[in-house]
């Protein structure tokens, strides 16, 4: 069930673990401002059925750096009792190869209602 999140669930259709859309919130008493951060976390990006060339596959576990940075910053500020409201949104998926993988030119409806072609879906979620 993709809950209308066709982009992230399209990327992770083949993975052994279902894609996750994680929202972390911290609201201290007296907060007057709200900060929201979003991080992309493709935990391993093979390119799916559009398999990346051999030389480009190594290091694809680093494609989760955006989500990792957001999680680290969120944790640091919460443990320091930051005075304002924080939200960390993490889009987590694995772009794996297999019969259920998103195909080039598949169409996905994003939560916004926008419709995209899956050619570069892991970069447009």
N, C-alpha and C. Protein backbone atom coordinates (compact mmCIF):
# COMPACT_ATOMS: atom_id res chain seq x y z
N UNK A 1 0.85 -1.18 0.00
CA UNK A 1 0.00 0.00 0.00
C UNK A 1 0.89 1.24 0.00
N UNK A 2 0.72 2.11 -1.00
CA UNK A 2 1.63 3.25 -1.08
C UNK A 2 1.06 4.54 -0.51
N UNK A 3 -0.15 4.55 -0.01
CA UNK A 3 -0.76 5.71 0.65
C UNK A 3 -0.68 6.97 -0.21
N UNK A 4 -0.67 6.82 -1.51
CA UNK A 4 -0.58 7.96 -2.40
C UNK A 4 0.83 8.45 -2.65
N UNK A 5 1.82 7.78 -2.10
CA UNK A 5 3.22 8.17 -2.25
C UNK A 5 3.85 7.36 -3.38
N UNK A 6 3.36 7.57 -4.59
CA UNK A 6 3.77 6.78 -5.74
C UNK A 6 5.23 6.88 -6.09
N UNK A 7 5.88 7.99 -5.78
CA UNK A 7 7.30 8.15 -6.10
C UNK A 7 8.18 7.23 -5.28
N UNK A 8 8.10 7.34 -3.98
CA UNK A 8 8.98 6.53 -3.12
C UNK A 8 8.64 5.05 -3.20
N UNK A 9 7.36 4.72 -3.30
CA UNK A 9 6.99 3.31 -3.38
C UNK A 9 7.28 2.74 -4.77
N UNK A 10 7.29 3.58 -5.78
CA UNK A 10 7.70 3.13 -7.11
C UNK A 10 9.16 2.76 -7.15
N UNK A 11 10.00 3.55 -6.50
CA UNK A 11 11.44 3.26 -6.45
C UNK A 11 11.70 1.93 -5.77
N UNK A 12 11.00 1.66 -4.67
CA UNK A 12 11.29 0.49 -3.86
C UNK A 12 10.42 -0.73 -4.10
N UNK A 13 9.72 -0.80 -5.23
CA UNK A 13 8.79 -1.91 -5.48
C UNK A 13 9.45 -3.28 -5.38
N UNK A 14 10.68 -3.43 -5.82
CA UNK A 14 11.34 -4.73 -5.86
C UNK A 14 12.10 -5.07 -4.58
N UNK A 15 12.37 -4.11 -3.75
CA UNK A 15 13.21 -4.33 -2.57
C UNK A 15 12.61 -5.35 -1.61
N UNK A 16 13.46 -6.02 -0.84
CA UNK A 16 12.98 -7.00 0.14
C UNK A 16 12.30 -6.33 1.33
N UNK A 17 12.63 -5.07 1.59
CA UNK A 17 11.96 -4.29 2.64
C UNK A 17 11.17 -3.17 1.98
N UNK A 18 9.93 -2.97 2.43
CA UNK A 18 9.08 -1.95 1.84
C UNK A 18 9.65 -0.55 2.09
N UNK A 19 9.46 0.34 1.15
CA UNK A 19 9.88 1.74 1.30
C UNK A 19 9.21 2.34 2.53
N UNK A 20 9.87 3.33 3.10
CA UNK A 20 9.34 3.98 4.30
C UNK A 20 9.30 5.49 4.09
N UNK A 21 8.25 6.10 4.62
CA UNK A 21 8.13 7.55 4.68
C UNK A 21 8.05 7.87 6.17
N UNK A 22 9.15 8.38 6.71
CA UNK A 22 9.28 8.57 8.15
C UNK A 22 9.16 10.06 8.48
N UNK A 23 8.32 10.38 9.46
CA UNK A 23 8.18 11.75 9.93
C UNK A 23 8.50 11.77 11.42
N UNK A 24 9.53 12.53 11.78
CA UNK A 24 9.91 12.71 13.18
C UNK A 24 9.57 14.14 13.56
N UNK A 25 8.98 14.32 14.73
CA UNK A 25 8.60 15.66 15.17
C UNK A 25 9.05 15.89 16.60
N UNK A 26 9.44 17.12 16.86
CA UNK A 26 9.86 17.54 18.19
C UNK A 26 9.23 18.91 18.43
N UNK A 27 8.41 19.02 19.47
CA UNK A 27 7.74 20.29 19.76
C UNK A 27 7.90 20.62 21.24
N UNK A 28 8.88 21.45 21.58
CA UNK A 28 9.07 21.82 22.98
C UNK A 28 8.03 22.86 23.41
N UNK A 29 7.78 22.93 24.69
CA UNK A 29 6.86 23.93 25.24
C UNK A 29 7.41 25.32 24.92
N UNK A 30 6.54 26.20 24.45
CA UNK A 30 6.92 27.58 24.16
C UNK A 30 7.50 27.81 22.78
N UNK A 31 7.56 26.80 21.95
CA UNK A 31 8.09 26.97 20.59
C UNK A 31 7.21 27.91 19.78
N UNK A 32 7.83 28.81 19.02
CA UNK A 32 7.08 29.76 18.19
C UNK A 32 7.40 29.62 16.70
N UNK A 33 8.48 28.95 16.38
CA UNK A 33 8.87 28.75 14.98
C UNK A 33 8.87 27.26 14.65
N UNK A 34 8.69 26.96 13.36
CA UNK A 34 8.69 25.57 12.90
C UNK A 34 9.72 25.41 11.79
N UNK A 35 10.58 24.41 11.93
CA UNK A 35 11.57 24.08 10.91
C UNK A 35 11.27 22.66 10.41
N UNK A 36 11.21 22.49 9.10
CA UNK A 36 10.97 21.17 8.51
C UNK A 36 12.07 20.86 7.51
N UNK A 37 12.65 19.67 7.65
CA UNK A 37 13.72 19.23 6.75
C UNK A 37 13.30 17.94 6.07
N UNK A 38 13.72 17.76 4.83
CA UNK A 38 13.42 16.54 4.08
C UNK A 38 14.74 15.95 3.57
N UNK A 39 14.90 14.64 3.74
CA UNK A 39 16.12 13.97 3.28
C UNK A 39 15.81 12.73 2.46
N UNK A 40 16.45 12.62 1.30
CA UNK A 40 16.29 11.44 0.45
C UNK A 40 17.23 10.35 0.94
N UNK A 41 16.69 9.14 1.10
CA UNK A 41 17.49 8.03 1.60
C UNK A 41 17.34 6.79 0.73
N UNK A 42 17.97 6.80 -0.43
CA UNK A 42 17.99 5.60 -1.26
C UNK A 42 19.13 4.75 -0.70
N UNK A 43 18.77 3.74 0.10
CA UNK A 43 19.78 3.00 0.85
C UNK A 43 20.74 2.22 -0.04
N UNK A 44 20.30 1.84 -1.22
CA UNK A 44 21.20 1.31 -2.24
C UNK A 44 20.53 1.52 -3.59
N UNK A 45 21.24 2.14 -4.51
CA UNK A 45 20.65 2.49 -5.80
C UNK A 45 21.38 1.78 -6.93
N UNK A 46 20.85 0.63 -7.33
CA UNK A 46 21.44 -0.12 -8.45
C UNK A 46 21.08 0.50 -9.79
N UNK A 47 20.07 1.36 -9.77
CA UNK A 47 19.52 1.88 -11.01
C UNK A 47 18.28 1.09 -11.42
N UNK A 48 17.95 0.05 -10.64
CA UNK A 48 16.79 -0.78 -10.97
C UNK A 48 16.99 -1.48 -12.30
N UNK A 49 15.95 -1.52 -13.11
CA UNK A 49 16.06 -2.17 -14.42
C UNK A 49 16.95 -1.38 -15.38
N UNK A 50 17.19 -0.11 -15.06
CA UNK A 50 18.14 0.70 -15.83
C UNK A 50 19.49 0.60 -15.11
N UNK A 51 20.00 -0.61 -15.05
CA UNK A 51 21.18 -0.94 -14.27
C UNK A 51 22.34 0.01 -14.54
N UNK A 52 22.96 0.47 -13.46
CA UNK A 52 24.12 1.36 -13.60
C UNK A 52 25.32 0.57 -14.09
N UNK A 53 26.20 1.21 -14.84
CA UNK A 53 27.42 0.53 -15.29
C UNK A 53 28.28 0.12 -14.09
N UNK A 54 29.11 -0.88 -14.30
CA UNK A 54 29.95 -1.45 -13.24
C UNK A 54 30.69 -0.38 -12.43
N UNK A 55 31.31 0.54 -13.07
CA UNK A 55 32.10 1.55 -12.38
C UNK A 55 31.28 2.54 -11.56
N UNK A 56 29.98 2.59 -11.78
CA UNK A 56 29.13 3.54 -11.08
C UNK A 56 28.33 2.90 -9.95
N UNK A 57 28.38 1.58 -9.83
CA UNK A 57 27.60 0.87 -8.81
C UNK A 57 28.23 1.00 -7.42
N UNK A 58 29.55 0.91 -7.36
CA UNK A 58 30.23 1.00 -6.07
C UNK A 58 29.93 2.35 -5.42
N UNK A 59 29.62 2.30 -4.15
CA UNK A 59 29.36 3.54 -3.42
C UNK A 59 27.92 3.99 -3.44
N UNK A 60 27.04 3.25 -4.09
CA UNK A 60 25.65 3.69 -4.17
C UNK A 60 24.92 3.62 -2.84
N UNK A 61 25.53 3.02 -1.83
CA UNK A 61 24.93 3.07 -0.50
C UNK A 61 25.00 4.48 0.07
N UNK A 62 25.84 5.32 -0.51
CA UNK A 62 25.94 6.71 -0.06
C UNK A 62 24.78 7.56 -0.56
N UNK A 63 23.91 6.98 -1.37
CA UNK A 63 22.77 7.74 -1.89
C UNK A 63 21.75 8.03 -0.79
N UNK A 64 22.03 7.55 0.42
CA UNK A 64 21.13 7.83 1.54
C UNK A 64 21.69 8.97 2.40
N UNK A 65 22.71 9.66 1.91
CA UNK A 65 23.37 10.71 2.67
C UNK A 65 22.47 11.85 3.09
N UNK A 66 21.51 12.21 2.24
CA UNK A 66 20.60 13.31 2.59
C UNK A 66 19.77 12.96 3.82
N UNK A 67 19.19 11.77 3.83
CA UNK A 67 18.38 11.33 4.97
C UNK A 67 19.25 11.18 6.22
N UNK A 68 20.46 10.65 6.04
CA UNK A 68 21.36 10.47 7.18
C UNK A 68 21.75 11.81 7.80
N UNK A 69 22.01 12.80 6.97
CA UNK A 69 22.37 14.13 7.46
C UNK A 69 21.21 14.77 8.22
N UNK A 70 20.00 14.64 7.68
CA UNK A 70 18.82 15.20 8.34
C UNK A 70 18.59 14.51 9.68
N UNK A 71 18.70 13.19 9.71
CA UNK A 71 18.52 12.45 10.97
C UNK A 71 19.56 12.87 12.00
N UNK A 72 20.81 13.01 11.58
CA UNK A 72 21.86 13.43 12.50
C UNK A 72 21.64 14.82 13.05
N UNK A 73 21.25 15.76 12.19
CA UNK A 73 20.98 17.13 12.64
C UNK A 73 19.79 17.17 13.58
N UNK A 74 18.74 16.43 13.25
CA UNK A 74 17.55 16.36 14.10
C UNK A 74 17.93 15.83 15.49
N UNK A 75 18.67 14.73 15.52
CA UNK A 75 19.09 14.13 16.79
C UNK A 75 19.93 15.12 17.61
N UNK A 76 20.87 15.79 16.95
CA UNK A 76 21.74 16.73 17.66
C UNK A 76 20.94 17.86 18.30
N UNK A 77 20.00 18.43 17.55
CA UNK A 77 19.22 19.54 18.10
C UNK A 77 18.26 19.10 19.19
N UNK A 78 17.64 17.94 19.03
CA UNK A 78 16.71 17.45 20.05
C UNK A 78 17.46 17.14 21.35
N UNK A 79 18.63 16.52 21.26
CA UNK A 79 19.38 16.19 22.48
C UNK A 79 19.93 17.45 23.16
N UNK A 80 20.05 18.54 22.41
CA UNK A 80 20.48 19.81 22.99
C UNK A 80 19.29 20.65 23.43
N UNK A 81 18.09 20.06 23.37
CA UNK A 81 16.84 20.72 23.77
C UNK A 81 16.61 22.02 23.01
N UNK A 82 16.69 21.94 21.70
CA UNK A 82 16.42 23.08 20.82
C UNK A 82 15.07 23.68 21.19
N UNK A 83 14.95 25.00 21.12
CA UNK A 83 13.76 25.68 21.64
C UNK A 83 12.60 25.78 20.65
N UNK A 84 12.80 25.36 19.41
CA UNK A 84 11.75 25.51 18.39
C UNK A 84 11.29 24.14 17.88
N UNK A 85 10.16 24.13 17.18
CA UNK A 85 9.61 22.90 16.63
C UNK A 85 10.42 22.44 15.43
N UNK A 86 10.70 21.14 15.40
CA UNK A 86 11.45 20.53 14.30
C UNK A 86 10.66 19.37 13.71
N UNK A 87 10.71 19.24 12.40
CA UNK A 87 10.17 18.07 11.72
C UNK A 87 11.25 17.54 10.78
N UNK A 88 11.49 16.25 10.82
CA UNK A 88 12.43 15.60 9.90
C UNK A 88 11.64 14.59 9.09
N UNK A 89 11.65 14.73 7.77
CA UNK A 89 10.93 13.83 6.88
C UNK A 89 11.97 13.05 6.09
N UNK A 90 11.92 11.73 6.20
CA UNK A 90 12.90 10.86 5.56
C UNK A 90 12.19 9.94 4.58
N UNK A 91 12.61 9.98 3.33
CA UNK A 91 12.08 9.09 2.29
C UNK A 91 13.11 7.99 2.10
N UNK A 92 12.77 6.76 2.49
CA UNK A 92 13.73 5.66 2.51
C UNK A 92 13.29 4.54 1.57
N UNK A 93 14.17 4.13 0.69
CA UNK A 93 13.86 3.07 -0.27
C UNK A 93 15.14 2.44 -0.78
N UNK A 94 15.00 1.24 -1.35
CA UNK A 94 16.10 0.57 -2.05
C UNK A 94 15.67 0.38 -3.50
N UNK A 95 16.49 0.83 -4.43
CA UNK A 95 16.19 0.68 -5.85
C UNK A 95 16.84 -0.61 -6.34
N UNK A 96 16.10 -1.72 -6.23
CA UNK A 96 16.65 -3.04 -6.53
C UNK A 96 16.23 -3.53 -7.91
N UNK A 97 16.88 -4.60 -8.34
CA UNK A 97 16.62 -5.22 -9.64
C UNK A 97 15.76 -6.47 -9.43
N UNK A 98 14.78 -6.69 -10.29
CA UNK A 98 13.97 -7.90 -10.22
C UNK A 98 12.67 -7.73 -10.98
N UNK A 99 11.83 -8.76 -10.99
CA UNK A 99 10.61 -8.73 -11.81
C UNK A 99 9.58 -7.70 -11.38
N UNK A 100 9.62 -7.24 -10.12
CA UNK A 100 8.66 -6.24 -9.66
C UNK A 100 9.20 -4.82 -9.75
N UNK A 101 10.44 -4.67 -10.18
CA UNK A 101 11.08 -3.35 -10.23
C UNK A 101 10.33 -2.42 -11.18
N UNK A 102 10.37 -1.13 -10.84
CA UNK A 102 9.80 -0.13 -11.72
C UNK A 102 10.54 -0.15 -13.05
N UNK A 103 9.79 -0.11 -14.13
CA UNK A 103 10.38 -0.16 -15.48
C UNK A 103 10.58 1.26 -16.01
N UNK A 104 11.55 1.44 -16.89
CA UNK A 104 11.67 2.73 -17.56
C UNK A 104 10.34 3.04 -18.24
N UNK A 105 9.90 4.25 -18.12
CA UNK A 105 8.66 4.76 -18.70
C UNK A 105 7.40 4.38 -17.93
N UNK A 106 7.51 3.70 -16.76
CA UNK A 106 6.32 3.53 -15.92
C UNK A 106 5.86 4.91 -15.46
N UNK A 107 4.59 5.04 -15.21
CA UNK A 107 4.02 6.32 -14.79
C UNK A 107 3.68 6.22 -13.30
N UNK A 108 4.02 7.25 -12.54
CA UNK A 108 3.76 7.28 -11.10
C UNK A 108 3.05 8.58 -10.73
N UNK A 109 2.06 8.46 -9.86
CA UNK A 109 1.37 9.64 -9.35
C UNK A 109 1.94 9.95 -7.98
N UNK A 110 2.48 11.15 -7.84
CA UNK A 110 3.08 11.59 -6.58
C UNK A 110 1.99 12.07 -5.63
N UNK A 111 2.34 12.24 -4.37
CA UNK A 111 1.41 12.71 -3.35
C UNK A 111 0.81 14.06 -3.72
N UNK A 112 1.60 14.88 -4.40
CA UNK A 112 1.15 16.21 -4.83
C UNK A 112 0.09 16.14 -5.92
N UNK A 113 -0.06 14.95 -6.52
CA UNK A 113 -0.96 14.80 -7.66
C UNK A 113 -0.23 14.88 -8.98
N UNK A 114 1.02 15.34 -8.96
CA UNK A 114 1.81 15.39 -10.18
C UNK A 114 2.06 13.97 -10.69
N UNK A 115 2.08 13.83 -12.00
CA UNK A 115 2.33 12.54 -12.62
C UNK A 115 3.69 12.61 -13.29
N UNK A 116 4.55 11.61 -13.00
CA UNK A 116 5.89 11.60 -13.57
C UNK A 116 6.18 10.28 -14.26
N UNK A 117 7.14 10.35 -15.18
CA UNK A 117 7.67 9.18 -15.86
C UNK A 117 8.82 8.66 -14.99
N UNK A 118 8.97 7.37 -14.85
CA UNK A 118 9.95 6.82 -13.91
C UNK A 118 11.39 6.83 -14.39
N UNK A 119 11.69 7.46 -15.51
CA UNK A 119 13.05 7.45 -16.04
C UNK A 119 14.08 7.83 -14.98
N UNK A 120 13.81 8.87 -14.21
CA UNK A 120 14.73 9.30 -13.17
C UNK A 120 14.01 9.41 -11.84
N UNK A 121 13.20 8.42 -11.51
CA UNK A 121 12.32 8.52 -10.35
C UNK A 121 13.07 8.68 -9.03
N UNK A 122 14.20 8.02 -8.84
CA UNK A 122 14.87 8.12 -7.54
C UNK A 122 15.43 9.52 -7.29
N UNK A 123 15.57 10.32 -8.32
CA UNK A 123 16.06 11.69 -8.12
C UNK A 123 14.93 12.70 -8.04
N UNK A 124 13.69 12.28 -8.32
CA UNK A 124 12.58 13.24 -8.34
C UNK A 124 11.55 12.98 -7.26
N UNK A 125 11.81 12.03 -6.34
CA UNK A 125 10.79 11.80 -5.34
C UNK A 125 10.66 12.93 -4.41
